[in-house]
C-alpha atoms as a PDB file:
ATOM      1  CA  MET A   1      -5.526 -29.087  -8.473  1.00  0.00           C
ATOM      2  CA  ALA A   2      -8.345 -31.296  -7.180  1.00  0.00           C
ATOM      3  CA  ILE A   3     -11.989 -30.365  -7.978  1.00  0.00           C
ATOM      4  CA  MET A   4     -14.369 -31.629  -5.348  1.00  0.00           C
ATOM      5  CA  ARG A   5     -18.198 -31.360  -5.210  1.00  0.00           C
ATOM      6  CA  ILE A   6     -19.441 -31.658  -1.585  1.00  0.00           C
ATOM      7  CA  GLU A   7     -23.081 -32.223  -0.752  1.00  0.00           C
ATOM      8  CA  TYR A   8     -23.865 -31.641   2.905  1.00  0.00           C
ATOM      9  CA  HIS A   9     -26.885 -31.035   5.122  1.00  0.00           C
ATOM     10  CA  SER A  10     -27.340 -27.405   6.129  1.00  0.00           C
ATOM     11  CA  GLU A  11     -28.798 -27.221   9.517  1.00  0.00           C
ATOM     12  CA  VAL A  12     -29.513 -23.526   9.009  1.00  0.00           C
ATOM     13  CA  LEU A  13     -31.514 -24.086   5.809  1.00  0.00           C
ATOM     14  CA  ASP A  14     -32.721 -27.563   6.735  1.00  0.00           C
ATOM     15  CA  MET A  15     -31.933 -28.969   3.394  1.00  0.00           C
ATOM     16  CA  SER A  16     -29.107 -30.495   1.372  1.00  0.00           C
ATOM     17  CA  ARG A  17     -26.636 -28.066  -0.261  1.00  0.00           C
ATOM     18  CA  GLN A  18     -23.746 -28.349  -2.620  1.00  0.00           C
ATOM     19  CA  VAL A  19     -20.412 -26.554  -2.666  1.00  0.00           C
ATOM     20  CA  ASN A  20     -17.487 -26.853  -5.133  1.00  0.00           C
ATOM     21  CA  VAL A  21     -13.980 -26.732  -3.815  1.00  0.00           C
ATOM     22  CA  LEU A  22     -10.634 -26.376  -5.702  1.00  0.00           C
ATOM     23  CA  TYR A  23      -7.963 -27.869  -3.504  1.00  0.00           C
ATOM     24  CA  PRO A  24      -4.196 -27.364  -4.360  1.00  0.00           C
ATOM     25  CA  ASP A  25      -2.161 -30.254  -5.728  1.00  0.00           C
ATOM     26  CA  ARG A  26       0.618 -30.913  -3.271  1.00  0.00           C
ATOM     27  CA  ASN A  27       2.951 -31.717  -6.141  1.00  0.00           C
ATOM     28  CA  ARG A  28       2.441 -28.348  -7.839  1.00  0.00           C
ATOM     29  CA  VAL A  29       2.878 -25.920  -4.946  1.00  0.00           C
ATOM     30  CA  GLU A  30       5.972 -24.682  -3.209  1.00  0.00           C
ATOM     31  CA  ASN A  31       4.904 -25.664   0.267  1.00  0.00           C
ATOM     32  CA  PRO A  32       2.991 -28.983   0.069  1.00  0.00           C
ATOM     33  CA  GLU A  33       3.139 -29.520   3.879  1.00  0.00           C
ATOM     34  CA  ASP A  34       1.284 -26.247   4.564  1.00  0.00           C
ATOM     35  CA  THR A  35      -1.275 -26.757   7.380  1.00  0.00           C
ATOM     36  CA  ASP A  36      -2.598 -23.229   7.140  1.00  0.00           C
ATOM     37  CA  ILE A  37      -3.781 -22.882   3.532  1.00  0.00           C
ATOM     38  CA  PRO A  38      -5.418 -19.538   2.401  1.00  0.00           C
ATOM     39  CA  VAL A  39      -9.010 -19.718   1.175  1.00  0.00           C
ATOM     40  CA  LEU A  40     -10.959 -17.678  -1.386  1.00  0.00           C
ATOM     41  CA  TYR A  41     -14.825 -17.868  -1.411  1.00  0.00           C
ATOM     42  CA  LEU A  42     -16.233 -17.105  -4.881  1.00  0.00           C
ATOM     43  CA  LEU A  43     -19.885 -15.985  -5.059  1.00  0.00           C
ATOM     44  CA  HIS A  44     -22.133 -16.213  -8.116  1.00  0.00           C
ATOM     45  CA  GLY A  45     -24.637 -13.781  -9.553  1.00  0.00           C
ATOM     46  CA  MET A  46     -28.383 -14.025 -10.096  1.00  0.00           C
ATOM     47  CA  GLY A  47     -29.381 -17.111 -11.937  1.00  0.00           C
ATOM     48  CA  GLY A  48     -26.050 -18.785 -11.152  1.00  0.00           C
ATOM     49  CA  ASN A  49     -25.016 -21.426  -8.623  1.00  0.00           C
ATOM     50  CA  GLN A  50     -21.950 -23.226  -7.264  1.00  0.00           C
ATOM     51  CA  ASP A  51     -21.022 -24.349 -10.840  1.00  0.00           C
ATOM     52  CA  SER A  52     -20.936 -20.857 -12.427  1.00  0.00           C
ATOM     53  CA  TRP A  53     -17.329 -20.043 -11.832  1.00  0.00           C
ATOM     54  CA  LEU A  54     -16.105 -23.484 -12.823  1.00  0.00           C
ATOM     55  CA  ASN A  55     -18.217 -23.636 -16.016  1.00  0.00           C
ATOM     56  CA  ARG A  56     -17.812 -20.018 -17.208  1.00  0.00           C
ATOM     57  CA  SER A  57     -14.359 -18.796 -16.107  1.00  0.00           C
ATOM     58  CA  THR A  58     -10.830 -20.130 -16.143  1.00  0.00           C
ATOM     59  CA  ILE A  59     -10.465 -20.112 -12.320  1.00  0.00           C
ATOM     60  CA  GLU A  60      -9.201 -23.741 -12.214  1.00  0.00           C
ATOM     61  CA  ARG A  61      -6.382 -22.972 -14.673  1.00  0.00           C
ATOM     62  CA  LEU A  62      -5.574 -19.673 -12.967  1.00  0.00           C
ATOM     63  CA  VAL A  63      -4.932 -21.213  -9.584  1.00  0.00           C
ATOM     64  CA  ARG A  64      -3.584 -24.651 -10.456  1.00  0.00           C
ATOM     65  CA  TYR A  65      -0.044 -23.723  -9.268  1.00  0.00           C
ATOM     66  CA  THR A  66      -1.194 -21.631  -6.359  1.00  0.00           C
ATOM     67  CA  ASN A  67      -1.424 -22.772  -2.737  1.00  0.00           C
ATOM     68  CA  LEU A  68      -4.985 -21.630  -2.443  1.00  0.00           C
ATOM     69  CA  ILE A  69      -8.390 -23.292  -1.643  1.00  0.00           C
ATOM     70  CA  VAL A  70     -11.183 -21.862  -3.670  1.00  0.00           C
ATOM     71  CA  VAL A  71     -14.715 -22.396  -2.446  1.00  0.00           C
ATOM     72  CA  MET A  72     -17.756 -21.812  -4.799  1.00  0.00           C
ATOM     73  CA  VAL A  73     -21.081 -21.515  -2.949  1.00  0.00           C
ATOM     74  CA  ASN A  74     -24.759 -21.358  -3.875  1.00  0.00           C
ATOM     75  CA  THR A  75     -27.279 -18.862  -2.445  1.00  0.00           C
ATOM     76  CA  ASP A  76     -29.968 -19.385  -5.200  1.00  0.00           C
ATOM     77  CA  LYS A  77     -31.503 -15.925  -5.682  1.00  0.00           C
ATOM     78  CA  GLY A  78     -31.381 -15.081  -2.040  1.00  0.00           C
ATOM     79  CA  TRP A  79     -28.715 -12.357  -2.293  1.00  0.00           C
ATOM     80  CA  TYR A  80     -26.564 -13.852   0.482  1.00  0.00           C
ATOM     81  CA  SER A  81     -29.161 -12.546   2.924  1.00  0.00           C
ATOM     82  CA  ASN A  82     -31.459 -13.852   5.636  1.00  0.00           C
ATOM     83  CA  THR A  83     -34.719 -13.405   3.675  1.00  0.00           C
ATOM     84  CA  THR A  84     -38.087 -12.521   5.083  1.00  0.00           C
ATOM     85  CA  TYR A  85     -39.421 -15.870   3.889  1.00  0.00           C
ATOM     86  CA  GLY A  86     -37.247 -17.782   6.294  1.00  0.00           C
ATOM     87  CA  MET A  87     -34.323 -18.899   4.095  1.00  0.00           C
ATOM     88  CA  ASN A  88     -31.338 -17.669   6.035  1.00  0.00           C
ATOM     89  CA  TYR A  89     -28.732 -17.800   3.273  1.00  0.00           C
ATOM     90  CA  TYR A  90     -26.461 -15.302   4.982  1.00  0.00           C
ATOM     91  CA  ASP A  91     -26.226 -17.471   8.165  1.00  0.00           C
ATOM     92  CA  ALA A  92     -25.776 -20.566   6.018  1.00  0.00           C
ATOM     93  CA  ILE A  93     -22.834 -19.195   3.994  1.00  0.00           C
ATOM     94  CA  ALA A  94     -21.128 -16.642   6.319  1.00  0.00           C
ATOM     95  CA  GLU A  95     -21.414 -18.637   9.535  1.00  0.00           C
ATOM     96  CA  GLU A  96     -22.247 -22.282   8.968  1.00  0.00           C
ATOM     97  CA  LEU A  97     -20.274 -23.129   5.804  1.00  0.00           C
ATOM     98  CA  PRO A  98     -16.832 -22.263   7.101  1.00  0.00           C
ATOM     99  CA  GLN A  99     -17.378 -24.566   9.989  1.00  0.00           C
ATOM    100  CA  VAL A 100     -18.599 -27.382   7.703  1.00  0.00           C
ATOM    101  CA  LEU A 101     -15.594 -26.977   5.381  1.00  0.00           C
ATOM    102  CA  LYS A 102     -13.121 -27.018   8.278  1.00  0.00           C
ATOM    103  CA  ARG A 103     -14.222 -30.569   9.026  1.00  0.00           C
ATOM    104  CA  PHE A 104     -13.502 -31.625   5.483  1.00  0.00           C
ATOM    105  CA  PHE A 105     -10.309 -29.606   5.131  1.00  0.00           C
ATOM    106  CA  PRO A 106      -8.516 -29.188   8.494  1.00  0.00           C
ATOM    107  CA  ASN A 107      -5.619 -27.490   6.657  1.00  0.00           C
ATOM    108  CA  MET A 108      -7.892 -24.636   5.572  1.00  0.00           C
ATOM    109  CA  SER A 109      -6.863 -21.476   7.385  1.00  0.00           C
ATOM    110  CA  SER A 110      -9.167 -19.782   9.944  1.00  0.00           C
ATOM    111  CA  LYS A 111      -6.985 -16.689  10.158  1.00  0.00           C
ATOM    112  CA  ARG A 112      -8.465 -13.485   8.940  1.00  0.00           C
ATOM    113  CA  GLU A 113      -5.345 -12.535   7.060  1.00  0.00           C
ATOM    114  CA  LYS A 114      -5.682 -15.758   4.986  1.00  0.00           C
ATOM    115  CA  ASN A 115      -9.458 -15.562   4.261  1.00  0.00           C
ATOM    116  CA  PHE A 116     -10.683 -13.762   1.207  1.00  0.00           C
ATOM    117  CA  ILE A 117     -13.976 -13.360  -0.594  1.00  0.00           C
ATOM    118  CA  ALA A 118     -15.073 -12.141  -4.102  1.00  0.00           C
ATOM    119  CA  GLY A 119     -18.074 -12.255  -6.281  1.00  0.00           C
ATOM    120  CA  LEU A 120     -19.777 -10.863  -9.387  1.00  0.00           C
ATOM    121  CA  SER A 121     -23.027  -8.941  -9.688  1.00  0.00           C
ATOM    122  CA  MET A 122     -25.283 -10.152  -6.881  1.00  0.00           C
ATOM    123  CA  GLY A 123     -22.108 -11.960  -5.645  1.00  0.00           C
ATOM    124  CA  GLY A 124     -20.190  -8.655  -5.574  1.00  0.00           C
ATOM    125  CA  TYR A 125     -22.786  -7.380  -3.157  1.00  0.00           C
ATOM    126  CA  GLY A 126     -22.600 -10.605  -1.191  1.00  0.00           C
ATOM    127  CA  ALA A 127     -18.810 -10.454  -0.945  1.00  0.00           C
ATOM    128  CA  PHE A 128     -18.806  -6.924   0.460  1.00  0.00           C
ATOM    129  CA  LYS A 129     -21.806  -7.685   2.711  1.00  0.00           C
ATOM    130  CA  ILE A 130     -20.267 -10.840   4.267  1.00  0.00           C
ATOM    131  CA  ALA A 131     -16.803  -9.321   4.610  1.00  0.00           C
ATOM    132  CA  LEU A 132     -17.989  -6.088   6.257  1.00  0.00           C
ATOM    133  CA  SER A 133     -20.529  -7.691   8.611  1.00  0.00           C
ATOM    134  CA  THR A 134     -18.466 -10.612   9.762  1.00  0.00           C
ATOM    135  CA  ASN A 135     -15.019  -8.915   9.902  1.00  0.00           C
ATOM    136  CA  ARG A 136     -13.745 -12.334   9.110  1.00  0.00           C
ATOM    137  CA  PHE A 137     -12.159 -11.575   5.666  1.00  0.00           C
ATOM    138  CA  SER A 138      -9.000  -9.495   5.116  1.00  0.00           C
ATOM    139  CA  TYR A 139      -9.699  -8.907   1.411  1.00  0.00           C
ATOM    140  CA  ALA A 140     -13.036  -8.630  -0.463  1.00  0.00           C
ATOM    141  CA  ALA A 141     -13.608  -8.041  -4.216  1.00  0.00           C
ATOM    142  CA  SER A 142     -16.663  -7.027  -6.174  1.00  0.00           C
ATOM    143  CA  LEU A 143     -16.863  -7.422  -9.954  1.00  0.00           C
ATOM    144  CA  SER A 144     -19.784  -5.525 -11.559  1.00  0.00           C
ATOM    145  CA  GLY A 145     -21.344  -5.666  -8.048  1.00  0.00           C
ATOM    146  CA  ALA A 146     -24.873  -4.558  -7.158  1.00  0.00           C
ATOM    147  CA  LEU A 147     -23.494  -2.329  -4.480  1.00  0.00           C
ATOM    148  CA  TYR A 148     -26.148   0.388  -4.203  1.00  0.00           C
ATOM    149  CA  PHE A 149     -29.767  -0.088  -3.325  1.00  0.00           C
ATOM    150  CA  ASP A 150     -32.281   1.842  -5.394  1.00  0.00           C
ATOM    151  CA  PHE A 151     -35.541  -0.087  -5.756  1.00  0.00           C
ATOM    152  CA  ASP A 152     -37.081   2.749  -7.818  1.00  0.00           C
ATOM    153  CA  ASN A 153     -34.461   2.220 -10.490  1.00  0.00           C
ATOM    154  CA  PRO A 154     -35.881   0.562 -13.655  1.00  0.00           C
ATOM    155  CA  ALA A 155     -32.987  -1.922 -13.467  1.00  0.00           C
ATOM    156  CA  SER A 156     -34.460  -3.235 -10.249  1.00  0.00           C
ATOM    157  CA  ALA A 157     -37.778  -3.886 -11.937  1.00  0.00           C
ATOM    158  CA  GLU A 158     -36.011  -5.834 -14.707  1.00  0.00           C
ATOM    159  CA  LEU A 159     -34.405  -8.129 -12.206  1.00  0.00           C
ATOM    160  CA  GLY A 160     -37.381  -8.813 -10.085  1.00  0.00           C
ATOM    161  CA  SER A 161     -40.934  -7.767  -8.969  1.00  0.00           C
ATOM    162  CA  PRO A 162     -41.536  -5.685  -5.847  1.00  0.00           C
ATOM    163  CA  ALA A 163     -42.840  -8.909  -4.258  1.00  0.00           C
ATOM    164  CA  TYR A 164     -39.501 -10.599  -4.962  1.00  0.00           C
ATOM    165  CA  TRP A 165     -37.460  -7.778  -3.478  1.00  0.00           C
ATOM    166  CA  GLN A 166     -39.670  -7.538  -0.426  1.00  0.00           C
ATOM    167  CA  GLY A 167     -39.293 -11.317   0.078  1.00  0.00           C
ATOM    168  CA  VAL A 168     -35.504 -10.936   0.134  1.00  0.00           C
ATOM    169  CA  PHE A 169     -34.969  -7.566   1.824  1.00  0.00           C
ATOM    170  CA  GLY A 170     -38.257  -6.630   3.521  1.00  0.00           C
ATOM    171  CA  ASP A 171     -39.395  -2.975   3.560  1.00  0.00           C
ATOM    172  CA  LEU A 172     -38.412  -1.242   0.345  1.00  0.00           C
ATOM    173  CA  SER A 173     -39.650   2.228   1.231  1.00  0.00           C
ATOM    174  CA  ASN A 174     -36.190   3.577   1.451  1.00  0.00           C
ATOM    175  CA  GLY A 175     -33.245   1.596   0.174  1.00  0.00           C
ATOM    176  CA  ALA A 176     -30.734   3.955   1.899  1.00  0.00           C
ATOM    177  CA  THR A 177     -32.070   2.931   5.404  1.00  0.00           C
ATOM    178  CA  ASN A 178     -32.550  -0.714   4.696  1.00  0.00           C
ATOM    179  CA  PRO A 179     -30.290  -2.676   7.119  1.00  0.00           C
ATOM    180  CA  ASN A 180     -29.119  -4.813   4.080  1.00  0.00           C
ATOM    181  CA  SER A 181     -27.705  -1.830   2.335  1.00  0.00           C
ATOM    182  CA  LEU A 182     -23.891  -1.807   2.169  1.00  0.00           C
ATOM    183  CA  GLN A 183     -23.750   1.768   3.350  1.00  0.00           C
ATOM    184  CA  ASN A 184     -25.468   0.784   6.649  1.00  0.00           C
ATOM    185  CA  ILE A 185     -23.492  -2.437   7.022  1.00  0.00           C
ATOM    186  CA  ALA A 186     -20.272  -0.475   6.475  1.00  0.00           C
ATOM    187  CA  LYS A 187     -21.030   1.716   9.482  1.00  0.00           C
ATOM    188  CA  LEU A 188     -20.711  -1.324  11.766  1.00  0.00           C
ATOM    189  CA  SER A 189     -17.456  -2.601  10.122  1.00  0.00           C
ATOM    190  CA  ASP A 190     -14.009  -2.253  11.735  1.00  0.00           C
ATOM    191  CA  LYS A 191     -12.753  -0.985   8.340  1.00  0.00           C
ATOM    192  CA  LYS A 192      -9.771  -3.394   8.329  1.00  0.00           C
ATOM    193  CA  THR A 193     -10.955  -5.291   5.238  1.00  0.00           C
ATOM    194  CA  LYS A 194      -9.187  -4.241   1.992  1.00  0.00           C
ATOM    195  CA  LEU A 195     -11.730  -3.764  -0.779  1.00  0.00           C
ATOM    196  CA  TYR A 196     -11.452  -4.097  -4.581  1.00  0.00           C
ATOM    197  CA  ALA A 197     -14.293  -2.954  -6.897  1.00  0.00           C
ATOM    198  CA  TRP A 198     -14.501  -3.032 -10.649  1.00  0.00           C
ATOM    199  CA  CYS A 199     -17.345  -2.347 -12.994  1.00  0.00           C
ATOM    200  CA  GLY A 200     -17.657  -1.953 -16.796  1.00  0.00           C
ATOM    201  CA  GLU A 201     -18.693   1.523 -18.015  1.00  0.00           C
ATOM    202  CA  GLU A 202     -21.445   0.057 -20.265  1.00  0.00           C
ATOM    203  CA  ASP A 203     -22.808  -2.060 -17.379  1.00  0.00           C
ATOM    204  CA  PHE A 204     -26.327  -1.211 -16.125  1.00  0.00           C
ATOM    205  CA  LEU A 205     -24.868  -1.294 -12.564  1.00  0.00           C
ATOM    206  CA  PHE A 206     -22.120   1.194 -13.291  1.00  0.00           C
ATOM    207  CA  GLU A 207     -23.890   4.246 -11.775  1.00  0.00           C
ATOM    208  CA  GLY A 208     -24.516   2.380  -8.563  1.00  0.00           C
ATOM    209  CA  HIS A 209     -20.953   1.151  -8.463  1.00  0.00           C
ATOM    210  CA  GLN A 210     -19.707   4.734  -8.671  1.00  0.00           C
ATOM    211  CA  LEU A 211     -21.993   5.843  -5.850  1.00  0.00           C
ATOM    212  CA  ALA A 212     -21.018   2.975  -3.648  1.00  0.00           C
ATOM    213  CA  VAL A 213     -17.306   3.532  -4.288  1.00  0.00           C
ATOM    214  CA  ALA A 214     -17.669   7.192  -3.308  1.00  0.00           C
ATOM    215  CA  ASP A 215     -19.573   6.250  -0.130  1.00  0.00           C
ATOM    216  CA  LEU A 216     -17.079   3.639   0.975  1.00  0.00           C
ATOM    217  CA  THR A 217     -14.131   5.837   0.185  1.00  0.00           C
ATOM    218  CA  GLU A 218     -15.580   8.688   2.134  1.00  0.00           C
ATOM    219  CA  ALA A 219     -16.209   6.234   5.093  1.00  0.00           C
ATOM    220  CA  GLY A 220     -12.475   5.600   5.263  1.00  0.00           C
ATOM    221  CA  PHE A 221     -12.156   2.090   3.678  1.00  0.00           C
ATOM    222  CA  ASP A 222      -9.007   0.924   1.967  1.00  0.00           C
ATOM    223  CA  LEU A 223     -10.643   0.592  -1.396  1.00  0.00           C
ATOM    224  CA  GLU A 224      -8.986  -0.017  -4.804  1.00  0.00           C
ATOM    225  CA  ALA A 225     -11.596   0.849  -7.419  1.00  0.00           C
ATOM    226  CA  SER A 226     -11.429   0.890 -11.181  1.00  0.00           C
ATOM    227  CA  HIS A 227     -13.626   0.836 -14.224  1.00  0.00           C
ATOM    228  CA  GLY A 228     -13.163   0.587 -17.958  1.00  0.00           C
ATOM    229  CA  PRO A 229     -14.896  -0.521 -21.115  1.00  0.00           C
ATOM    230  CA  GLY A 230     -17.131  -3.467 -20.409  1.00  0.00           C
ATOM    231  CA  LYS A 231     -20.643  -4.865 -20.119  1.00  0.00           C
ATOM    232  CA  HIS A 232     -22.258  -7.230 -17.587  1.00  0.00           C
ATOM    233  CA  GLU A 233     -20.602 -10.339 -19.100  1.00  0.00           C
ATOM    234  CA  TRP A 234     -18.271 -13.164 -18.169  1.00  0.00           C
ATOM    235  CA  TYR A 235     -15.742 -12.059 -20.733  1.00  0.00           C
ATOM    236  CA  TYR A 236     -14.870  -9.050 -18.462  1.00  0.00           C
ATOM    237  CA  TRP A 237     -15.195 -10.934 -15.189  1.00  0.00           C
ATOM    238  CA  ASN A 238     -12.791 -13.617 -16.349  1.00  0.00           C
ATOM    239  CA  GLN A 239     -10.226 -10.863 -17.042  1.00  0.00           C
ATOM    240  CA  GLN A 240     -10.859  -9.209 -13.676  1.00  0.00           C
ATOM    241  CA  ILE A 241     -10.719 -12.333 -11.493  1.00  0.00           C
ATOM    242  CA  GLU A 242      -7.079 -12.649 -12.634  1.00  0.00           C
ATOM    243  CA  LYS A 243      -6.412  -9.095 -11.433  1.00  0.00           C
ATOM    244  CA  VAL A 244      -8.058  -9.959  -8.104  1.00  0.00           C
ATOM    245  CA  LEU A 245      -5.867 -13.036  -7.733  1.00  0.00           C
ATOM    246  CA  ALA A 246      -2.779 -10.822  -8.408  1.00  0.00           C
ATOM    247  CA  TRP A 247      -4.086  -8.332  -5.768  1.00  0.00           C
ATOM    248  CA  LEU A 248      -4.479 -10.899  -3.013  1.00  0.00           C
ATOM    249  CA  PRO A 249      -1.573 -11.599  -0.668  1.00  0.00           C
ATOM    250  CA  ILE A 250      -0.837 -15.054  -2.202  1.00  0.00           C
ATOM    251  CA  ASP A 251       1.986 -16.440  -4.385  1.00  0.00           C
ATOM    252  CA  PHE A 252       0.449 -15.987  -7.790  1.00  0.00           C
ATOM    253  CA  GLU A 253       2.747 -15.898 -10.754  1.00  0.00           C
ATOM    254  CA  LEU A 254       1.785 -15.690 -14.433  1.00  0.00           C
ATOM    255  CA  GLU A 255       4.817 -17.732 -15.683  1.00  0.00           C
ATOM    256  CA  GLU A 256       3.956 -20.640 -13.450  1.00  0.00           C
ATOM    257  CA  ARG A 257       0.376 -20.665 -14.624  1.00  0.00           C
ATOM    258  CA  LEU A 258       1.263 -20.820 -18.261  1.00  0.00           C
ATOM    259  CA  SER A 259       3.771 -23.623 -17.949  1.00  0.00           C
END
């Protein structure tokens, strides 16, 4: 498994950006001549960056015998959104980055059935948002995702001031009608994306997780949801990303990973 850090100029953001990529070792996968390799985008949470998954999880060990490209991006604290202050993180990640990466990795699949996205906390929101609004990803997973907008909730005040939230999402008068809410984004989706959502029962986002799961299920999405003991911590996300990998339609075997 090769670990690559790529610095490129984002035309959308008009600045240099970095992305980390795990690329399968041709000597360790069953089909080294594959010219249509599946890809998983991994999104970080608030305060993280493109290094978070590499530094704080075992993702490299988990996929070292798997024919899968893993892309780890950076949205700063922009919530994978086109902010009101002109930083269009959504366009940069959802639209521009796949085109940039295709130039570096021509064997990276462009097929929907081989494109997946997952994230934690803010990244869980981002994974669902990008998947449902682009209809480009066949599978999307949220771990402890911030899936339900309620700017009057005390948890929102702990994460940022009203000025911060307005800078990212605009009008906060009614989170349910905000165009960035997953409930509104889901209305425009073709509902073909398979969804996975997990949250710890001691997590401050658990109530919102439950509400969002109910809304998406009622809307008719193919959603596999679960919860259990757990807080908003990497210990639990590291366990859950292994379950996400097993859920994806890729060749992922425990015995191979431990050898």
